[in-house]
Amino acid sequence: MLAVLLGEAGYDVQYAMSVSEGLTKARQGGFGMILLDWSFADGTGLGLCRQIRAFDQQTAILFYTGENDADAVAAALSAGAQDYLVKPVAVDRLLRAISEYVGDKA
């Protein structure tokens, strides 16, 4: 659903359903921003963020997750994420946050 929403807003969206798939795509590069959730079947978005930062310090990383623990937020930002939004987030707020990192496509 999020991919459809972002696509309708004019963004070119790719998605991964696992940490390993996300890491593979991130290594291919070419992304204006990476949007991460907290939980995956094979690990966490936090672990993926750390792995991405090991080879890519430039691409913006934004967490968009239901994980609202203050320690999780601090850990994500410490791992290299630029921002952390807790679901639910109004669509306009999410699009504003994304446009801060990749520009306004709409």
PDB file of N, CA and C in Angstrom:
ATOM      1  N   MET A   1       0.814  -1.179   0.000  1.00  0.00           N
ATOM      2  CA  MET A   1       0.000   0.000   0.000  1.00  0.00           C
ATOM      3  C   MET A   1       0.873   1.264   0.000  1.00  0.00           C
ATOM      4  N   LEU A   2       1.937   1.250   0.787  1.00  0.00           N
ATOM      5  CA  LEU A   2       2.836   2.395   0.839  1.00  0.00           C
ATOM      6  C   LEU A   2       3.514   2.615  -0.515  1.00  0.00           C
ATOM      7  N   ALA A   3       3.911   1.523  -1.172  1.00  0.00           N
ATOM      8  CA  ALA A   3       4.542   1.643  -2.489  1.00  0.00           C
ATOM      9  C   ALA A   3       3.577   2.287  -3.487  1.00  0.00           C
ATOM     10  N   VAL A   4       2.308   1.927  -3.419  1.00  0.00           N
ATOM     11  CA  VAL A   4       1.304   2.519  -4.312  1.00  0.00           C
ATOM     12  C   VAL A   4       1.139   3.999  -4.002  1.00  0.00           C
ATOM     13  N   LEU A   5       1.022   4.329  -2.732  1.00  0.00           N
ATOM     14  CA  LEU A   5       0.872   5.724  -2.329  1.00  0.00           C
ATOM     15  C   LEU A   5       2.039   6.581  -2.804  1.00  0.00           C
ATOM     16  N   LEU A   6       3.257   6.092  -2.588  1.00  0.00           N
ATOM     17  CA  LEU A   6       4.439   6.847  -3.008  1.00  0.00           C
ATOM     18  C   LEU A   6       4.549   6.909  -4.527  1.00  0.00           C
ATOM     19  N   GLY A   7       4.172   5.834  -5.194  1.00  0.00           N
ATOM     20  CA  GLY A   7       4.164   5.835  -6.655  1.00  0.00           C
ATOM     21  C   GLY A   7       3.194   6.862  -7.201  1.00  0.00           C
ATOM     22  N   GLU A   8       2.027   6.955  -6.589  1.00  0.00           N
ATOM     23  CA  GLU A   8       1.036   7.942  -7.019  1.00  0.00           C
ATOM     24  C   GLU A   8       1.517   9.371  -6.759  1.00  0.00           C
ATOM     25  N   ALA A   9       2.397   9.519  -5.778  1.00  0.00           N
ATOM     26  CA  ALA A   9       2.957  10.839  -5.480  1.00  0.00           C
ATOM     27  C   ALA A   9       4.129  11.170  -6.399  1.00  0.00           C
ATOM     28  N   GLY A  10       4.480  10.238  -7.297  1.00  0.00           N
ATOM     29  CA  GLY A  10       5.518  10.511  -8.279  1.00  0.00           C
ATOM     30  C   GLY A  10       6.880   9.910  -7.975  1.00  0.00           C
ATOM     31  N   TYR A  11       6.976   9.138  -6.920  1.00  0.00           N
ATOM     32  CA  TYR A  11       8.255   8.532  -6.561  1.00  0.00           C
ATOM     33  C   TYR A  11       8.421   7.174  -7.236  1.00  0.00           C
ATOM     34  N   ASP A  12       9.640   6.879  -7.647  1.00  0.00           N
ATOM     35  CA  ASP A  12       9.989   5.569  -8.177  1.00  0.00           C
ATOM     36  C   ASP A  12      10.319   4.700  -6.972  1.00  0.00           C
ATOM     37  N   VAL A  13       9.535   3.658  -6.735  1.00  0.00           N
ATOM     38  CA  VAL A  13       9.636   2.873  -5.507  1.00  0.00           C
ATOM     39  C   VAL A  13      10.071   1.450  -5.809  1.00  0.00           C
ATOM     40  N   GLN A  14      11.045   0.990  -5.037  1.00  0.00           N
ATOM     41  CA  GLN A  14      11.398  -0.426  -4.978  1.00  0.00           C
ATOM     42  C   GLN A  14      11.219  -0.840  -3.533  1.00  0.00           C
ATOM     43  N   TYR A  15      10.915  -2.109  -3.300  1.00  0.00           N
ATOM     44  CA  TYR A  15      10.761  -2.537  -1.915  1.00  0.00           C
ATOM     45  C   TYR A  15      11.367  -3.909  -1.712  1.00  0.00           C
ATOM     46  N   ALA A  16      11.685  -4.177  -0.461  1.00  0.00           N
ATOM     47  CA  ALA A  16      12.267  -5.462  -0.070  1.00  0.00           C
ATOM     48  C   ALA A  16      11.469  -5.997   1.108  1.00  0.00           C
ATOM     49  N   MET A  17      11.283  -7.282   1.140  1.00  0.00           N
ATOM     50  CA  MET A  17      10.509  -7.906   2.208  1.00  0.00           C
ATOM     51  C   MET A  17      11.385  -8.535   3.288  1.00  0.00           C
ATOM     52  N   SER A  18      12.700  -8.421   3.140  1.00  0.00           N
ATOM     53  CA  SER A  18      13.617  -9.009   4.125  1.00  0.00           C
ATOM     54  C   SER A  18      14.870  -8.141   4.224  1.00  0.00           C
ATOM     55  N   VAL A  19      15.593  -8.339   5.309  1.00  0.00           N
ATOM     56  CA  VAL A  19      16.855  -7.633   5.493  1.00  0.00           C
ATOM     57  C   VAL A  19      17.823  -8.014   4.376  1.00  0.00           C
ATOM     58  N   SER A  20      17.907  -9.298   4.061  1.00  0.00           N
ATOM     59  CA  SER A  20      18.859  -9.734   3.033  1.00  0.00           C
ATOM     60  C   SER A  20      18.516  -9.134   1.673  1.00  0.00           C
ATOM     61  N   GLU A  21      17.251  -9.081   1.321  1.00  0.00           N
ATOM     62  CA  GLU A  21      16.841  -8.473   0.056  1.00  0.00           C
ATOM     63  C   GLU A  21      17.102  -6.968   0.073  1.00  0.00           C
ATOM     64  N   GLY A  22      16.829  -6.323   1.201  1.00  0.00           N
ATOM     65  CA  GLY A  22      17.085  -4.891   1.332  1.00  0.00           C
ATOM     66  C   GLY A  22      18.559  -4.565   1.205  1.00  0.00           C
ATOM     67  N   LEU A  23      19.397  -5.402   1.802  1.00  0.00           N
ATOM     68  CA  LEU A  23      20.843  -5.187   1.717  1.00  0.00           C
ATOM     69  C   LEU A  23      21.328  -5.345   0.283  1.00  0.00           C
ATOM     70  N   THR A  24      20.828  -6.350  -0.405  1.00  0.00           N
ATOM     71  CA  THR A  24      21.197  -6.552  -1.812  1.00  0.00           C
ATOM     72  C   THR A  24      20.826  -5.333  -2.650  1.00  0.00           C
ATOM     73  N   LYS A  25      19.611  -4.837  -2.473  1.00  0.00           N
ATOM     74  CA  LYS A  25      19.177  -3.663  -3.244  1.00  0.00           C
ATOM     75  C   LYS A  25      19.988  -2.429  -2.863  1.00  0.00           C
ATOM     76  N   ALA A  26      20.243  -2.250  -1.578  1.00  0.00           N
ATOM     77  CA  ALA A  26      21.015  -1.081  -1.136  1.00  0.00           C
ATOM     78  C   ALA A  26      22.414  -1.102  -1.726  1.00  0.00           C
ATOM     79  N   ARG A  27      23.014  -2.274  -1.831  1.00  0.00           N
ATOM     80  CA  ARG A  27      24.358  -2.392  -2.412  1.00  0.00           C
ATOM     81  C   ARG A  27      24.361  -2.018  -3.893  1.00  0.00           C
ATOM     82  N   GLN A  28      23.248  -2.198  -4.570  1.00  0.00           N
ATOM     83  CA  GLN A  28      23.148  -1.826  -5.978  1.00  0.00           C
ATOM     84  C   GLN A  28      23.147  -0.302  -6.139  1.00  0.00           C
ATOM     85  N   GLY A  29      22.731   0.396  -5.089  1.00  0.00           N
ATOM     86  CA  GLY A  29      22.789   1.854  -5.069  1.00  0.00           C
ATOM     87  C   GLY A  29      21.766   2.527  -5.948  1.00  0.00           C
ATOM     88  N   GLY A  30      21.937   3.826  -6.073  1.00  0.00           N
ATOM     89  CA  GLY A  30      21.073   4.625  -6.926  1.00  0.00           C
ATOM     90  C   GLY A  30      19.801   5.121  -6.264  1.00  0.00           C
ATOM     91  N   PHE A  31      19.701   5.025  -4.944  1.00  0.00           N
ATOM     92  CA  PHE A  31      18.494   5.452  -4.243  1.00  0.00           C
ATOM     93  C   PHE A  31      18.650   6.857  -3.699  1.00  0.00           C
ATOM     94  N   GLY A  32      17.582   7.628  -3.779  1.00  0.00           N
ATOM     95  CA  GLY A  32      17.575   8.949  -3.181  1.00  0.00           C
ATOM     96  C   GLY A  32      17.365   8.880  -1.681  1.00  0.00           C
ATOM     97  N   MET A  33      16.691   7.825  -1.235  1.00  0.00           N
ATOM     98  CA  MET A  33      16.399   7.632   0.169  1.00  0.00           C
ATOM     99  C   MET A  33      16.013   6.176   0.396  1.00  0.00           C
ATOM    100  N   ILE A  34      16.256   5.702   1.605  1.00  0.00           N
ATOM    101  CA  ILE A  34      15.843   4.360   1.995  1.00  0.00           C
ATOM    102  C   ILE A  34      14.873   4.503   3.154  1.00  0.00           C
ATOM    103  N   LEU A  35      13.704   3.905   3.020  1.00  0.00           N
ATOM    104  CA  LEU A  35      12.664   3.928   4.040  1.00  0.00           C
ATOM    105  C   LEU A  35      12.644   2.553   4.702  1.00  0.00           C
ATOM    106  N   LEU A  36      12.861   2.510   6.019  1.00  0.00           N
ATOM    107  CA  LEU A  36      12.952   1.232   6.731  1.00  0.00           C
ATOM    108  C   LEU A  36      11.851   1.064   7.761  1.00  0.00           C
ATOM    109  N   ASP A  37      11.385  -0.155   7.898  1.00  0.00           N
ATOM    110  CA  ASP A  37      10.530  -0.544   9.011  1.00  0.00           C
ATOM    111  C   ASP A  37      11.442  -1.129  10.079  1.00  0.00           C
ATOM    112  N   TRP A  38      10.904  -1.418  11.243  1.00  0.00           N
ATOM    113  CA  TRP A  38      11.720  -1.951  12.333  1.00  0.00           C
ATOM    114  C   TRP A  38      11.907  -3.457  12.218  1.00  0.00           C
ATOM    115  N   SER A  39      10.839  -4.178  11.874  1.00  0.00           N
ATOM    116  CA  SER A  39      10.871  -5.637  11.931  1.00  0.00           C
ATOM    117  C   SER A  39      10.797  -6.286  10.558  1.00  0.00           C
ATOM    118  N   PHE A  40      11.652  -7.263  10.367  1.00  0.00           N
ATOM    119  CA  PHE A  40      11.633  -8.126   9.188  1.00  0.00           C
ATOM    120  C   PHE A  40      11.712  -9.560   9.681  1.00  0.00           C
ATOM    121  N   ALA A  41      11.303 -10.493   8.866  1.00  0.00           N
ATOM    122  CA  ALA A  41      11.337 -11.902   9.262  1.00  0.00           C
ATOM    123  C   ALA A  41      12.756 -12.375   9.570  1.00  0.00           C
ATOM    124  N   ASP A  42      13.742 -11.790   8.905  1.00  0.00           N
ATOM    125  CA  ASP A  42      15.127 -12.252   9.066  1.00  0.00           C
ATOM    126  C   ASP A  42      16.016 -11.258   9.813  1.00  0.00           C
ATOM    127  N   GLY A  43      15.429 -10.304  10.519  1.00  0.00           N
ATOM    128  CA  GLY A  43      16.244  -9.354  11.270  1.00  0.00           C
ATOM    129  C   GLY A  43      15.490  -8.063  11.530  1.00  0.00           C
ATOM    130  N   THR A  44      16.239  -7.012  11.790  1.00  0.00           N
ATOM    131  CA  THR A  44      15.621  -5.727  12.095  1.00  0.00           C
ATOM    132  C   THR A  44      16.087  -4.640  11.130  1.00  0.00           C
ATOM    133  N   GLY A  45      15.269  -3.621  11.024  1.00  0.00           N
ATOM    134  CA  GLY A  45      15.665  -2.453  10.254  1.00  0.00           C
ATOM    135  C   GLY A  45      16.887  -1.781  10.858  1.00  0.00           C
ATOM    136  N   LEU A  46      17.025  -1.874  12.168  1.00  0.00           N
ATOM    137  CA  LEU A  46      18.197  -1.311  12.828  1.00  0.00           C
ATOM    138  C   LEU A  46      19.464  -2.008  12.338  1.00  0.00           C
ATOM    139  N   GLY A  47      19.438  -3.331  12.287  1.00  0.00           N
ATOM    140  CA  GLY A  47      20.595  -4.080  11.775  1.00  0.00           C
ATOM    141  C   GLY A  47      20.870  -3.745  10.324  1.00  0.00           C
ATOM    142  N   LEU A  48      19.810  -3.627   9.533  1.00  0.00           N
ATOM    143  CA  LEU A  48      19.969  -3.283   8.129  1.00  0.00           C
ATOM    144  C   LEU A  48      20.556  -1.879   7.982  1.00  0.00           C
ATOM    145  N   CYS A  49      20.088  -0.952   8.790  1.00  0.00           N
ATOM    146  CA  CYS A  49      20.623   0.414   8.758  1.00  0.00           C
ATOM    147  C   CYS A  49      22.128   0.386   9.028  1.00  0.00           C
ATOM    148  N   ARG A  50      22.536  -0.345  10.030  1.00  0.00           N
ATOM    149  CA  ARG A  50      23.968  -0.435  10.357  1.00  0.00           C
ATOM    150  C   ARG A  50      24.768  -1.050   9.208  1.00  0.00           C
ATOM    151  N   GLN A  51      24.208  -2.092   8.579  1.00  0.00           N
ATOM    152  CA  GLN A  51      24.902  -2.731   7.459  1.00  0.00           C
ATOM    153  C   GLN A  51      25.022  -1.779   6.271  1.00  0.00           C
ATOM    154  N   ILE A  52      23.975  -1.024   6.009  1.00  0.00           N
ATOM    155  CA  ILE A  52      24.018  -0.062   4.907  1.00  0.00           C
ATOM    156  C   ILE A  52      25.052   1.015   5.193  1.00  0.00           C
ATOM    157  N   ARG A  53      25.067   1.507   6.412  1.00  0.00           N
ATOM    158  CA  ARG A  53      26.016   2.564   6.767  1.00  0.00           C
ATOM    159  C   ARG A  53      27.472   2.100   6.691  1.00  0.00           C
ATOM    160  N   ALA A  54      27.707   0.809   6.729  1.00  0.00           N
ATOM    161  CA  ALA A  54      29.074   0.296   6.602  1.00  0.00           C
ATOM    162  C   ALA A  54      29.654   0.579   5.218  1.00  0.00           C
ATOM    163  N   PHE A  55      28.797   0.732   4.192  1.00  0.00           N
ATOM    164  CA  PHE A  55      29.298   0.996   2.840  1.00  0.00           C
ATOM    165  C   PHE A  55      28.675   2.232   2.190  1.00  0.00           C
ATOM    166  N   ASP A  56      27.661   2.810   2.802  1.00  0.00           N
ATOM    167  CA  ASP A  56      26.983   3.968   2.215  1.00  0.00           C
ATOM    168  C   ASP A  56      26.620   4.947   3.325  1.00  0.00           C
ATOM    169  N   GLN A  57      27.367   6.030   3.391  1.00  0.00           N
ATOM    170  CA  GLN A  57      27.087   7.050   4.395  1.00  0.00           C
ATOM    171  C   GLN A  57      26.285   8.213   3.829  1.00  0.00           C
ATOM    172  N   GLN A  58      25.980   8.175   2.536  1.00  0.00           N
ATOM    173  CA  GLN A  58      25.343   9.306   1.869  1.00  0.00           C
ATOM    174  C   GLN A  58      23.831   9.211   1.752  1.00  0.00           C
ATOM    175  N   THR A  59      23.322   8.041   1.422  1.00  0.00           N
ATOM    176  CA  THR A  59      21.889   7.900   1.172  1.00  0.00           C
ATOM    177  C   THR A  59      21.100   8.125   2.455  1.00  0.00           C
ATOM    178  N   ALA A  60      20.106   8.987   2.392  1.00  0.00           N
ATOM    179  CA  ALA A  60      19.264   9.247   3.559  1.00  0.00           C
ATOM    180  C   ALA A  60      18.490   7.992   3.937  1.00  0.00           C
ATOM    181  N   ILE A  61      18.380   7.740   5.228  1.00  0.00           N
ATOM    182  CA  ILE A  61      17.606   6.619   5.751  1.00  0.00           C
ATOM    183  C   ILE A  61      16.562   7.176   6.706  1.00  0.00           C
ATOM    184  N   LEU A  62      15.315   6.806   6.454  1.00  0.00           N
ATOM    185  CA  LEU A  62      14.186   7.230   7.269  1.00  0.00           C
ATOM    186  C   LEU A  62      13.472   5.992   7.785  1.00  0.00           C
ATOM    187  N   PHE A  63      13.309   5.886   9.089  1.00  0.00           N
ATOM    188  CA  PHE A  63      12.501   4.809   9.660  1.00  0.00           C
ATOM    189  C   PHE A  63      11.049   5.236   9.659  1.00  0.00           C
ATOM    190  N   TYR A  64      10.170   4.340   9.241  1.00  0.00           N
ATOM    191  CA  TYR A  64       8.727   4.535   9.254  1.00  0.00           C
ATOM    192  C   TYR A  64       8.153   3.263   9.855  1.00  0.00           C
ATOM    193  N   THR A  65       7.844   3.302  11.149  1.00  0.00           N
ATOM    194  CA  THR A  65       7.579   2.075  11.878  1.00  0.00           C
ATOM    195  C   THR A  65       6.600   2.285  13.026  1.00  0.00           C
ATOM    196  N   GLY A  66       6.058   1.209  13.505  1.00  0.00           N
ATOM    197  CA  GLY A  66       5.196   1.238  14.673  1.00  0.00           C
ATOM    198  C   GLY A  66       5.977   1.122  15.969  1.00  0.00           C
ATOM    199  N   GLU A  67       7.263   0.880  15.880  1.00  0.00           N
ATOM    200  CA  GLU A  67       8.127   0.749  17.064  1.00  0.00           C
ATOM    201  C   GLU A  67       8.347   2.135  17.656  1.00  0.00           C
ATOM    202  N   ASN A  68       7.738   2.411  18.816  1.00  0.00           N
ATOM    203  CA  ASN A  68       7.789   3.768  19.356  1.00  0.00           C
ATOM    204  C   ASN A  68       8.563   3.884  20.663  1.00  0.00           C
ATOM    205  N   ASP A  69       9.364   2.911  20.983  1.00  0.00           N
ATOM    206  CA  ASP A  69      10.195   2.949  22.178  1.00  0.00           C
ATOM    207  C   ASP A  69      11.304   3.989  22.014  1.00  0.00           C
ATOM    208  N   ALA A  70      11.515   4.815  23.024  1.00  0.00           N
ATOM    209  CA  ALA A  70      12.521   5.877  22.954  1.00  0.00           C
ATOM    210  C   ALA A  70      13.919   5.322  22.704  1.00  0.00           C
ATOM    211  N   ASP A  71      14.220   4.152  23.258  1.00  0.00           N
ATOM    212  CA  ASP A  71      15.528   3.538  23.026  1.00  0.00           C
ATOM    213  C   ASP A  71      15.690   3.118  21.563  1.00  0.00           C
ATOM    214  N   ALA A  72      14.605   2.654  20.952  1.00  0.00           N
ATOM    215  CA  ALA A  72      14.653   2.269  19.539  1.00  0.00           C
ATOM    216  C   ALA A  72      14.919   3.489  18.664  1.00  0.00           C
ATOM    217  N   VAL A  73      14.249   4.586  18.962  1.00  0.00           N
ATOM    218  CA  VAL A  73      14.460   5.820  18.203  1.00  0.00           C
ATOM    219  C   VAL A  73      15.916   6.253  18.318  1.00  0.00           C
ATOM    220  N   ALA A  74      16.426   6.271  19.543  1.00  0.00           N
ATOM    221  CA  ALA A  74      17.816   6.679  19.764  1.00  0.00           C
ATOM    222  C   ALA A  74      18.788   5.748  19.051  1.00  0.00           C
ATOM    223  N   ALA A  75      18.520   4.447  19.090  1.00  0.00           N
ATOM    224  CA  ALA A  75      19.402   3.479  18.430  1.00  0.00           C
ATOM    225  C   ALA A  75      19.403   3.680  16.922  1.00  0.00           C
ATOM    226  N   ALA A  76      18.231   3.932  16.337  1.00  0.00           N
ATOM    227  CA  ALA A  76      18.140   4.140  14.889  1.00  0.00           C
ATOM    228  C   ALA A  76      18.902   5.385  14.467  1.00  0.00           C
ATOM    229  N   LEU A  77      18.735   6.455  15.202  1.00  0.00           N
ATOM    230  CA  LEU A  77      19.440   7.692  14.866  1.00  0.00           C
ATOM    231  C   LEU A  77      20.939   7.532  15.072  1.00  0.00           C
ATOM    232  N   SER A  78      21.320   6.808  16.099  1.00  0.00           N
ATOM    233  CA  SER A  78      22.733   6.538  16.357  1.00  0.00           C
ATOM    234  C   SER A  78      23.346   5.656  15.272  1.00  0.00           C
ATOM    235  N   ALA A  79      22.534   4.773  14.695  1.00  0.00           N
ATOM    236  CA  ALA A  79      23.011   3.876  13.641  1.00  0.00           C
ATOM    237  C   ALA A  79      23.152   4.580  12.301  1.00  0.00           C
ATOM    238  N   GLY A  80      22.655   5.816  12.206  1.00  0.00           N
ATOM    239  CA  GLY A  80      22.839   6.574  10.977  1.00  0.00           C
ATOM    240  C   GLY A  80      21.584   7.018  10.267  1.00  0.00           C
ATOM    241  N   ALA A  81      20.410   6.739  10.834  1.00  0.00           N
ATOM    242  CA  ALA A  81      19.166   7.207  10.220  1.00  0.00           C
ATOM    243  C   ALA A  81      19.042   8.717  10.399  1.00  0.00           C
ATOM    244  N   GLN A  82      18.466   9.382   9.412  1.00  0.00           N
ATOM    245  CA  GLN A  82      18.263  10.817   9.490  1.00  0.00           C
ATOM    246  C   GLN A  82      16.980  11.186  10.231  1.00  0.00           C
ATOM    247  N   ASP A  83      15.995  10.290  10.188  1.00  0.00           N
ATOM    248  CA  ASP A  83      14.704  10.615  10.784  1.00  0.00           C
ATOM    249  C   ASP A  83      14.006   9.331  11.198  1.00  0.00           C
ATOM    250  N   TYR A  84      12.978   9.481  12.041  1.00  0.00           N
ATOM    251  CA  TYR A  84      12.254   8.337  12.592  1.00  0.00           C
ATOM    252  C   TYR A  84      10.814   8.767  12.784  1.00  0.00           C
ATOM    253  N   LEU A  85       9.920   8.198  12.008  1.00  0.00           N
ATOM    254  CA  LEU A  85       8.492   8.490  12.118  1.00  0.00           C
ATOM    255  C   LEU A  85       7.770   7.270  12.667  1.00  0.00           C
ATOM    256  N   VAL A  86       6.906   7.507  13.651  1.00  0.00           N
ATOM    257  CA  VAL A  86       6.144   6.418  14.271  1.00  0.00           C
ATOM    258  C   VAL A  86       4.754   6.365  13.649  1.00  0.00           C
ATOM    259  N   LYS A  87       4.389   5.182  13.139  1.00  0.00           N
ATOM    260  CA  LYS A  87       3.056   4.964  12.573  1.00  0.00           C
ATOM    261  C   LYS A  87       2.028   5.034  13.698  1.00  0.00           C
ATOM    262  N   PRO A  88       0.839   5.491  13.423  1.00  0.00           N
ATOM    263  CA  PRO A  88       0.397   6.029  12.138  1.00  0.00           C
ATOM    264  C   PRO A  88       0.852   7.474  11.957  1.00  0.00           C
ATOM    265  N   VAL A  89       1.155   7.800  10.725  1.00  0.00           N
ATOM    266  CA  VAL A  89       1.560   9.158  10.348  1.00  0.00           C
ATOM    267  C   VAL A  89       0.633   9.600   9.230  1.00  0.00           C
ATOM    268  N   ALA A  90       0.160  10.820   9.310  1.00  0.00           N
ATOM    269  CA  ALA A  90      -0.682  11.352   8.244  1.00  0.00           C
ATOM    270  C   ALA A  90       0.096  11.318   6.931  1.00  0.00           C
ATOM    271  N   VAL A  91      -0.586  11.023   5.854  1.00  0.00           N
ATOM    272  CA  VAL A  91       0.049  10.898   4.544  1.00  0.00           C
ATOM    273  C   VAL A  91       0.821  12.169   4.188  1.00  0.00           C
ATOM    274  N   ASP A  92       0.235  13.330   4.433  1.00  0.00           N
ATOM    275  CA  ASP A  92       0.933  14.565   4.077  1.00  0.00           C
ATOM    276  C   ASP A  92       2.212  14.740   4.892  1.00  0.00           C
ATOM    277  N   ARG A  93       2.216  14.306   6.143  1.00  0.00           N
ATOM    278  CA  ARG A  93       3.436  14.392   6.977  1.00  0.00           C
ATOM    279  C   ARG A  93       4.508  13.455   6.441  1.00  0.00           C
ATOM    280  N   LEU A  94       4.123  12.241   6.056  1.00  0.00           N
ATOM    281  CA  LEU A  94       5.075  11.288   5.489  1.00  0.00           C
ATOM    282  C   LEU A  94       5.661  11.824   4.191  1.00  0.00           C
ATOM    283  N   LEU A  95       4.824  12.340   3.316  1.00  0.00           N
ATOM    284  CA  LEU A  95       5.303  12.876   2.046  1.00  0.00           C
ATOM    285  C   LEU A  95       6.210  14.091   2.249  1.00  0.00           C
ATOM    286  N   ARG A  96       5.901  14.918   3.229  1.00  0.00           N
ATOM    287  CA  ARG A  96       6.773  16.058   3.547  1.00  0.00           C
ATOM    288  C   ARG A  96       8.140  15.583   4.016  1.00  0.00           C
ATOM    289  N   ALA A  97       8.152  14.572   4.886  1.00  0.00           N
ATOM    290  CA  ALA A  97       9.426  14.041   5.390  1.00  0.00           C
ATOM    291  C   ALA A  97      10.260  13.465   4.244  1.00  0.00           C
ATOM    292  N   ILE A  98       9.625  12.713   3.374  1.00  0.00           N
ATOM    293  CA  ILE A  98      10.346  12.128   2.244  1.00  0.00           C
ATOM    294  C   ILE A  98      10.881  13.220   1.327  1.00  0.00           C
ATOM    295  N   SER A  99      10.063  14.227   1.064  1.00  0.00           N
ATOM    296  CA  SER A  99      10.499  15.288   0.148  1.00  0.00           C
ATOM    297  C   SER A  99      11.677  16.082   0.709  1.00  0.00           C
ATOM    298  N   GLU A 100      11.844  16.099   2.020  1.00  0.00           N
ATOM    299  CA  GLU A 100      13.005  16.761   2.617  1.00  0.00           C
ATOM    300  C   GLU A 100      14.305  16.111   2.171  1.00  0.00           C
ATOM    301  N   TYR A 101      14.267  14.813   1.873  1.00  0.00           N
ATOM    302  CA  TYR A 101      15.473  14.071   1.526  1.00  0.00           C
ATOM    303  C   TYR A 101      15.635  13.825   0.042  1.00  0.00           C
ATOM    304  N   VAL A 102      14.533  13.706  -0.698  1.00  0.00           N
ATOM    305  CA  VAL A 102      14.651  13.397  -2.124  1.00  0.00           C
ATOM    306  C   VAL A 102      13.998  14.439  -3.033  1.00  0.00           C
ATOM    307  N   GLY A 103      13.422  15.450  -2.462  1.00  0.00           N
ATOM    308  CA  GLY A 103      12.776  16.472  -3.260  1.00  0.00           C
ATOM    309  C   GLY A 103      11.298  16.170  -3.455  1.00  0.00           C
ATOM    310  N   ASP A 104      10.569  17.166  -3.798  1.00  0.00           N
ATOM    311  CA  ASP A 104       9.129  17.050  -3.999  1.00  0.00           C
ATOM    312  C   ASP A 104       8.847  16.553  -5.397  1.00  0.00           C
ATOM    313  N   LYS A 105       8.266  15.358  -5.498  1.00  0.00           N
ATOM    314  CA  LYS A 105       7.969  14.762  -6.803  1.00  0.00           C
ATOM    315  C   LYS A 105       6.554  15.033  -7.252  1.00  0.00           C
ATOM    316  N   ALA A 106       5.682  15.419  -6.319  1.00  0.00           N
ATOM    317  CA  ALA A 106       4.281  15.588  -6.659  1.00  0.00           C
ATOM    318  C   ALA A 106       4.030  16.914  -7.344  1.00  0.00           C
TER     319      ALA A 106
END
